[in-house]
Amino acid sequence: MAESKLIYKICSKAVWEEIRLLKSWTGSPHDVQDGFIHFSAASQLEGTFRKYYAGQTDLMLLAIDADALGNALKWESSRGGDLFPHLYGPLLISKIVSAQNLAMSEDGAIEGVGFA
């Protein structure tokens, strides 16, 4: 069996504490406004972090098995024409395979994440 492809969602620790006990989550207010939940591939995380979360602390990185989301997950052109994963529907919390602390080092690299 092929290895699953992970996609990622950055959120605050407070949001993680709220949603981790739910069955599903419709996303952040920004996600709800756009009509889908925004995710990033591993190669897109640093750009997402810099654009939307620079200077923030107490962040979490949620990893989700993209294959487990089925046809509701669409890869669509976004920042710089890159294809980003967007989930059209709620995220089942059971599809989150890991949640870990996320921080950026002084040189701008993402720290404390173990993705491939």
N, C-alpha and C. Protein backbone atom coordinates (compact mmCIF):
# COMPACT_ATOMS: atom_id res chain seq x y z
N MET A 1 0.84 -1.18 0.00
CA MET A 1 0.00 0.00 0.00
C MET A 1 0.88 1.24 0.00
N ALA A 2 0.52 2.23 -0.79
CA ALA A 2 1.30 3.46 -0.87
C ALA A 2 1.16 4.27 0.42
N GLU A 3 2.21 5.02 0.72
CA GLU A 3 2.19 5.87 1.89
C GLU A 3 1.19 7.00 1.68
N SER A 4 0.46 7.35 2.72
CA SER A 4 -0.54 8.39 2.58
C SER A 4 0.13 9.76 2.43
N LYS A 5 -0.57 10.67 1.78
CA LYS A 5 -0.09 12.03 1.59
C LYS A 5 -0.71 12.91 2.66
N LEU A 6 0.13 13.59 3.41
CA LEU A 6 -0.37 14.44 4.48
C LEU A 6 -0.52 15.87 4.00
N ILE A 7 -1.57 16.52 4.49
CA ILE A 7 -1.77 17.95 4.32
C ILE A 7 -1.86 18.54 5.72
N TYR A 8 -1.73 19.86 5.80
CA TYR A 8 -1.56 20.49 7.11
C TYR A 8 -2.46 21.70 7.30
N LYS A 9 -2.83 21.91 8.56
CA LYS A 9 -3.62 23.07 8.97
C LYS A 9 -2.94 23.68 10.19
N ILE A 10 -2.70 24.98 10.13
CA ILE A 10 -2.16 25.70 11.28
C ILE A 10 -3.33 26.32 12.03
N CYS A 11 -3.30 26.20 13.35
CA CYS A 11 -4.32 26.84 14.18
C CYS A 11 -3.70 27.17 15.53
N SER A 12 -4.40 27.96 16.30
CA SER A 12 -3.93 28.28 17.64
C SER A 12 -4.15 27.09 18.58
N LYS A 13 -3.40 27.07 19.66
CA LYS A 13 -3.61 26.02 20.66
C LYS A 13 -5.02 26.10 21.23
N ALA A 14 -5.54 27.31 21.39
CA ALA A 14 -6.90 27.49 21.92
C ALA A 14 -7.92 26.86 20.98
N VAL A 15 -7.76 27.06 19.67
CA VAL A 15 -8.68 26.44 18.71
C VAL A 15 -8.55 24.92 18.78
N TRP A 16 -7.33 24.41 18.83
CA TRP A 16 -7.13 22.96 18.92
C TRP A 16 -7.83 22.40 20.15
N GLU A 17 -7.70 23.07 21.28
CA GLU A 17 -8.35 22.59 22.50
C GLU A 17 -9.86 22.57 22.35
N GLU A 18 -10.42 23.52 21.60
CA GLU A 18 -11.86 23.55 21.38
C GLU A 18 -12.33 22.45 20.43
N ILE A 19 -11.58 22.23 19.35
CA ILE A 19 -12.07 21.31 18.32
C ILE A 19 -11.70 19.86 18.53
N ARG A 20 -10.68 19.59 19.31
CA ARG A 20 -10.19 18.21 19.40
C ARG A 20 -11.21 17.24 20.01
N LEU A 21 -12.17 17.76 20.71
CA LEU A 21 -13.21 16.92 21.31
C LEU A 21 -14.48 16.85 20.47
N LEU A 22 -14.50 17.58 19.36
CA LEU A 22 -15.67 17.57 18.48
C LEU A 22 -15.61 16.38 17.52
N LYS A 23 -16.71 16.11 16.86
CA LYS A 23 -16.73 15.10 15.79
C LYS A 23 -16.22 15.69 14.50
N SER A 24 -16.60 16.97 14.22
CA SER A 24 -16.18 17.62 12.98
C SER A 24 -16.02 19.11 13.22
N TRP A 25 -15.34 19.76 12.27
CA TRP A 25 -15.05 21.19 12.36
C TRP A 25 -15.23 21.83 11.00
N THR A 26 -15.87 22.97 10.95
CA THR A 26 -16.10 23.65 9.68
C THR A 26 -15.00 24.65 9.34
N GLY A 27 -14.00 24.77 10.20
CA GLY A 27 -12.86 25.63 9.93
C GLY A 27 -12.91 26.95 10.66
N SER A 28 -11.90 27.76 10.37
CA SER A 28 -11.78 29.09 10.96
C SER A 28 -12.83 30.02 10.35
N PRO A 29 -13.01 31.21 10.93
CA PRO A 29 -13.92 32.17 10.30
C PRO A 29 -13.52 32.47 8.84
N HIS A 30 -12.23 32.54 8.55
CA HIS A 30 -11.74 32.76 7.19
C HIS A 30 -12.16 31.60 6.28
N ASP A 31 -12.03 30.37 6.78
CA ASP A 31 -12.45 29.20 6.01
C ASP A 31 -13.95 29.25 5.71
N VAL A 32 -14.73 29.53 6.72
CA VAL A 32 -16.19 29.57 6.57
C VAL A 32 -16.57 30.64 5.54
N GLN A 33 -15.92 31.80 5.61
CA GLN A 33 -16.19 32.89 4.67
C GLN A 33 -15.89 32.46 3.24
N ASP A 34 -14.79 31.69 3.04
CA ASP A 34 -14.39 31.27 1.70
C ASP A 34 -15.16 30.05 1.19
N GLY A 35 -15.85 29.34 2.09
CA GLY A 35 -16.65 28.20 1.68
C GLY A 35 -15.89 26.88 1.64
N PHE A 36 -14.67 26.87 2.16
CA PHE A 36 -13.87 25.64 2.24
C PHE A 36 -12.81 25.81 3.31
N ILE A 37 -12.26 24.69 3.77
CA ILE A 37 -11.18 24.73 4.76
C ILE A 37 -9.86 24.75 4.01
N HIS A 38 -9.03 25.74 4.32
CA HIS A 38 -7.71 25.90 3.71
C HIS A 38 -6.71 24.96 4.37
N PHE A 39 -5.94 24.25 3.57
CA PHE A 39 -4.84 23.43 4.04
C PHE A 39 -3.60 23.79 3.23
N SER A 40 -2.47 23.26 3.65
CA SER A 40 -1.22 23.42 2.91
C SER A 40 -0.54 22.07 2.79
N ALA A 41 0.15 21.87 1.66
CA ALA A 41 1.06 20.73 1.53
C ALA A 41 2.32 21.08 2.33
N ALA A 42 3.15 20.09 2.61
CA ALA A 42 4.37 20.33 3.38
C ALA A 42 5.23 21.43 2.77
N SER A 43 5.35 21.43 1.45
CA SER A 43 6.20 22.42 0.77
C SER A 43 5.62 23.83 0.83
N GLN A 44 4.36 23.97 1.21
CA GLN A 44 3.70 25.27 1.26
C GLN A 44 3.62 25.84 2.67
N LEU A 45 3.98 25.04 3.66
CA LEU A 45 3.79 25.45 5.06
C LEU A 45 4.54 26.72 5.43
N GLU A 46 5.79 26.83 5.04
CA GLU A 46 6.57 28.00 5.43
C GLU A 46 5.93 29.28 4.88
N GLY A 47 5.48 29.27 3.63
CA GLY A 47 4.83 30.43 3.05
C GLY A 47 3.53 30.77 3.76
N THR A 48 2.75 29.76 4.07
CA THR A 48 1.50 29.97 4.80
C THR A 48 1.77 30.56 6.18
N PHE A 49 2.76 29.99 6.85
CA PHE A 49 3.14 30.48 8.18
C PHE A 49 3.54 31.95 8.11
N ARG A 50 4.41 32.28 7.18
CA ARG A 50 4.90 33.66 7.06
C ARG A 50 3.77 34.64 6.71
N LYS A 51 2.89 34.24 5.82
CA LYS A 51 1.83 35.14 5.34
C LYS A 51 0.73 35.37 6.38
N TYR A 52 0.34 34.32 7.09
CA TYR A 52 -0.83 34.43 7.96
C TYR A 52 -0.55 34.34 9.46
N TYR A 53 0.62 33.84 9.85
CA TYR A 53 0.85 33.57 11.27
C TYR A 53 2.14 34.18 11.82
N ALA A 54 2.84 34.98 11.04
CA ALA A 54 4.11 35.58 11.48
C ALA A 54 3.91 36.32 12.80
N GLY A 55 4.80 36.08 13.73
CA GLY A 55 4.76 36.76 15.01
C GLY A 55 3.80 36.16 16.02
N GLN A 56 2.99 35.19 15.60
CA GLN A 56 2.06 34.57 16.53
C GLN A 56 2.75 33.44 17.29
N THR A 57 2.30 33.23 18.49
CA THR A 57 2.82 32.14 19.32
C THR A 57 1.67 31.21 19.66
N ASP A 58 1.99 30.13 20.34
CA ASP A 58 0.98 29.15 20.77
C ASP A 58 0.21 28.59 19.58
N LEU A 59 0.96 28.17 18.55
CA LEU A 59 0.35 27.59 17.36
C LEU A 59 0.51 26.08 17.34
N MET A 60 -0.41 25.44 16.65
CA MET A 60 -0.38 23.99 16.46
C MET A 60 -0.36 23.69 14.97
N LEU A 61 0.24 22.57 14.63
CA LEU A 61 0.23 22.08 13.26
C LEU A 61 -0.53 20.76 13.26
N LEU A 62 -1.64 20.74 12.54
CA LEU A 62 -2.46 19.54 12.42
C LEU A 62 -2.11 18.86 11.11
N ALA A 63 -1.88 17.56 11.15
CA ALA A 63 -1.60 16.77 9.95
C ALA A 63 -2.81 15.90 9.66
N ILE A 64 -3.21 15.89 8.40
CA ILE A 64 -4.41 15.16 7.97
C ILE A 64 -4.05 14.30 6.79
N ASP A 65 -4.56 13.07 6.76
CA ASP A 65 -4.36 12.17 5.62
C ASP A 65 -5.25 12.64 4.49
N ALA A 66 -4.65 13.19 3.44
CA ALA A 66 -5.42 13.75 2.32
C ALA A 66 -6.31 12.70 1.67
N ASP A 67 -5.81 11.49 1.53
CA ASP A 67 -6.59 10.44 0.87
C ASP A 67 -7.87 10.10 1.64
N ALA A 68 -7.85 10.31 2.95
CA ALA A 68 -9.01 9.98 3.78
C ALA A 68 -10.15 10.98 3.62
N LEU A 69 -9.89 12.11 2.95
CA LEU A 69 -10.92 13.15 2.81
C LEU A 69 -11.79 12.96 1.58
N GLY A 70 -11.41 12.04 0.70
CA GLY A 70 -12.23 11.71 -0.45
C GLY A 70 -12.38 12.85 -1.45
N ASN A 71 -13.51 12.83 -2.15
CA ASN A 71 -13.77 13.79 -3.23
C ASN A 71 -14.05 15.20 -2.75
N ALA A 72 -14.25 15.40 -1.43
CA ALA A 72 -14.49 16.75 -0.91
C ALA A 72 -13.21 17.58 -0.92
N LEU A 73 -12.05 16.92 -1.07
CA LEU A 73 -10.77 17.63 -1.12
C LEU A 73 -10.44 17.95 -2.57
N LYS A 74 -10.23 19.23 -2.83
CA LYS A 74 -9.88 19.70 -4.18
C LYS A 74 -8.54 20.42 -4.11
N TRP A 75 -7.69 20.19 -5.11
CA TRP A 75 -6.42 20.90 -5.23
C TRP A 75 -6.64 22.03 -6.21
N GLU A 76 -6.58 23.27 -5.70
CA GLU A 76 -6.94 24.43 -6.51
C GLU A 76 -5.83 25.48 -6.50
N SER A 77 -5.74 26.19 -7.61
CA SER A 77 -4.73 27.23 -7.78
C SER A 77 -4.97 28.35 -6.78
N SER A 78 -3.89 28.78 -6.15
CA SER A 78 -3.98 29.87 -5.18
C SER A 78 -2.70 30.68 -5.26
N ARG A 79 -2.11 30.99 -4.13
CA ARG A 79 -0.92 31.84 -4.03
C ARG A 79 0.14 31.46 -5.05
N GLY A 80 0.44 32.38 -5.96
CA GLY A 80 1.49 32.15 -6.95
C GLY A 80 1.16 31.06 -7.96
N GLY A 81 -0.12 30.71 -8.09
CA GLY A 81 -0.51 29.66 -9.03
C GLY A 81 -0.28 28.25 -8.50
N ASP A 82 0.22 28.13 -7.29
CA ASP A 82 0.46 26.82 -6.66
C ASP A 82 -0.88 26.16 -6.35
N LEU A 83 -0.94 24.84 -6.43
CA LEU A 83 -2.16 24.10 -6.10
C LEU A 83 -2.20 23.83 -4.61
N PHE A 84 -3.24 24.34 -3.96
CA PHE A 84 -3.43 24.15 -2.53
C PHE A 84 -4.61 23.23 -2.27
N PRO A 85 -4.54 22.43 -1.21
CA PRO A 85 -5.67 21.56 -0.85
C PRO A 85 -6.77 22.35 -0.13
N HIS A 86 -7.98 22.24 -0.64
CA HIS A 86 -9.16 22.89 -0.06
C HIS A 86 -10.22 21.82 0.20
N LEU A 87 -10.76 21.80 1.40
CA LEU A 87 -11.79 20.82 1.76
C LEU A 87 -13.15 21.48 1.74
N TYR A 88 -14.01 20.99 0.85
CA TYR A 88 -15.38 21.49 0.73
C TYR A 88 -16.30 20.62 1.58
N GLY A 89 -16.36 20.97 2.83
CA GLY A 89 -17.16 20.23 3.80
C GLY A 89 -16.43 20.23 5.12
N PRO A 90 -17.07 19.72 6.16
CA PRO A 90 -16.43 19.72 7.47
C PRO A 90 -15.28 18.70 7.53
N LEU A 91 -14.32 19.01 8.37
CA LEU A 91 -13.21 18.10 8.64
C LEU A 91 -13.60 17.20 9.80
N LEU A 92 -13.64 15.91 9.55
CA LEU A 92 -13.86 14.96 10.65
C LEU A 92 -12.60 14.95 11.50
N ILE A 93 -12.74 15.22 12.78
CA ILE A 93 -11.58 15.30 13.68
C ILE A 93 -10.82 13.98 13.70
N SER A 94 -11.51 12.88 13.48
CA SER A 94 -10.86 11.57 13.45
C SER A 94 -9.86 11.44 12.29
N LYS A 95 -9.92 12.32 11.31
CA LYS A 95 -9.00 12.29 10.16
C LYS A 95 -7.68 13.01 10.46
N ILE A 96 -7.60 13.69 11.62
CA ILE A 96 -6.35 14.34 12.02
C ILE A 96 -5.43 13.26 12.58
N VAL A 97 -4.29 13.07 11.92
CA VAL A 97 -3.38 11.99 12.33
C VAL A 97 -2.37 12.45 13.37
N SER A 98 -2.11 13.77 13.46
CA SER A 98 -1.24 14.27 14.51
C SER A 98 -1.48 15.76 14.72
N ALA A 99 -1.13 16.21 15.91
CA ALA A 99 -1.18 17.63 16.27
C ALA A 99 0.07 17.91 17.08
N GLN A 100 0.85 18.89 16.63
CA GLN A 100 2.09 19.20 17.34
C GLN A 100 2.31 20.70 17.41
N ASN A 101 3.12 21.11 18.39
CA ASN A 101 3.45 22.52 18.54
C ASN A 101 4.19 23.02 17.32
N LEU A 102 3.98 24.27 16.97
CA LEU A 102 4.60 24.86 15.80
C LEU A 102 5.21 26.20 16.19
N ALA A 103 6.45 26.41 15.78
CA ALA A 103 7.13 27.68 16.05
C ALA A 103 8.08 27.97 14.90
N MET A 104 8.49 29.24 14.80
CA MET A 104 9.45 29.63 13.78
C MET A 104 10.71 30.11 14.47
N SER A 105 11.86 29.67 13.97
CA SER A 105 13.13 30.07 14.55
C SER A 105 13.46 31.50 14.15
N GLU A 106 14.50 32.06 14.75
CA GLU A 106 14.91 33.43 14.44
C GLU A 106 15.30 33.59 12.97
N ASP A 107 15.79 32.50 12.34
CA ASP A 107 16.19 32.60 10.94
C ASP A 107 15.03 32.32 9.98
N GLY A 108 13.82 32.16 10.53
CA GLY A 108 12.63 32.01 9.68
C GLY A 108 12.24 30.60 9.32
N ALA A 109 12.96 29.61 9.86
CA ALA A 109 12.62 28.22 9.56
C ALA A 109 11.56 27.72 10.55
N ILE A 110 10.69 26.85 10.08
CA ILE A 110 9.69 26.25 10.94
C ILE A 110 10.39 25.23 11.85
N GLU A 111 10.13 25.34 13.15
CA GLU A 111 10.75 24.45 14.13
C GLU A 111 9.75 23.43 14.65
N GLY A 112 10.27 22.32 15.09
CA GLY A 112 9.47 21.36 15.83
C GLY A 112 8.48 20.55 15.01
N VAL A 113 8.68 20.47 13.71
CA VAL A 113 7.78 19.68 12.91
C VAL A 113 8.55 18.53 12.29
N GLY A 114 7.87 17.39 12.20
CA GLY A 114 8.52 16.20 11.68
C GLY A 114 7.81 15.67 10.45
N PHE A 115 7.62 16.50 9.45
CA PHE A 115 7.00 16.02 8.22
C PHE A 115 8.06 15.73 7.19
N ALA A 116 7.66 14.88 6.23
CA ALA A 116 8.60 14.49 5.17
C ALA A 116 8.40 15.37 3.96
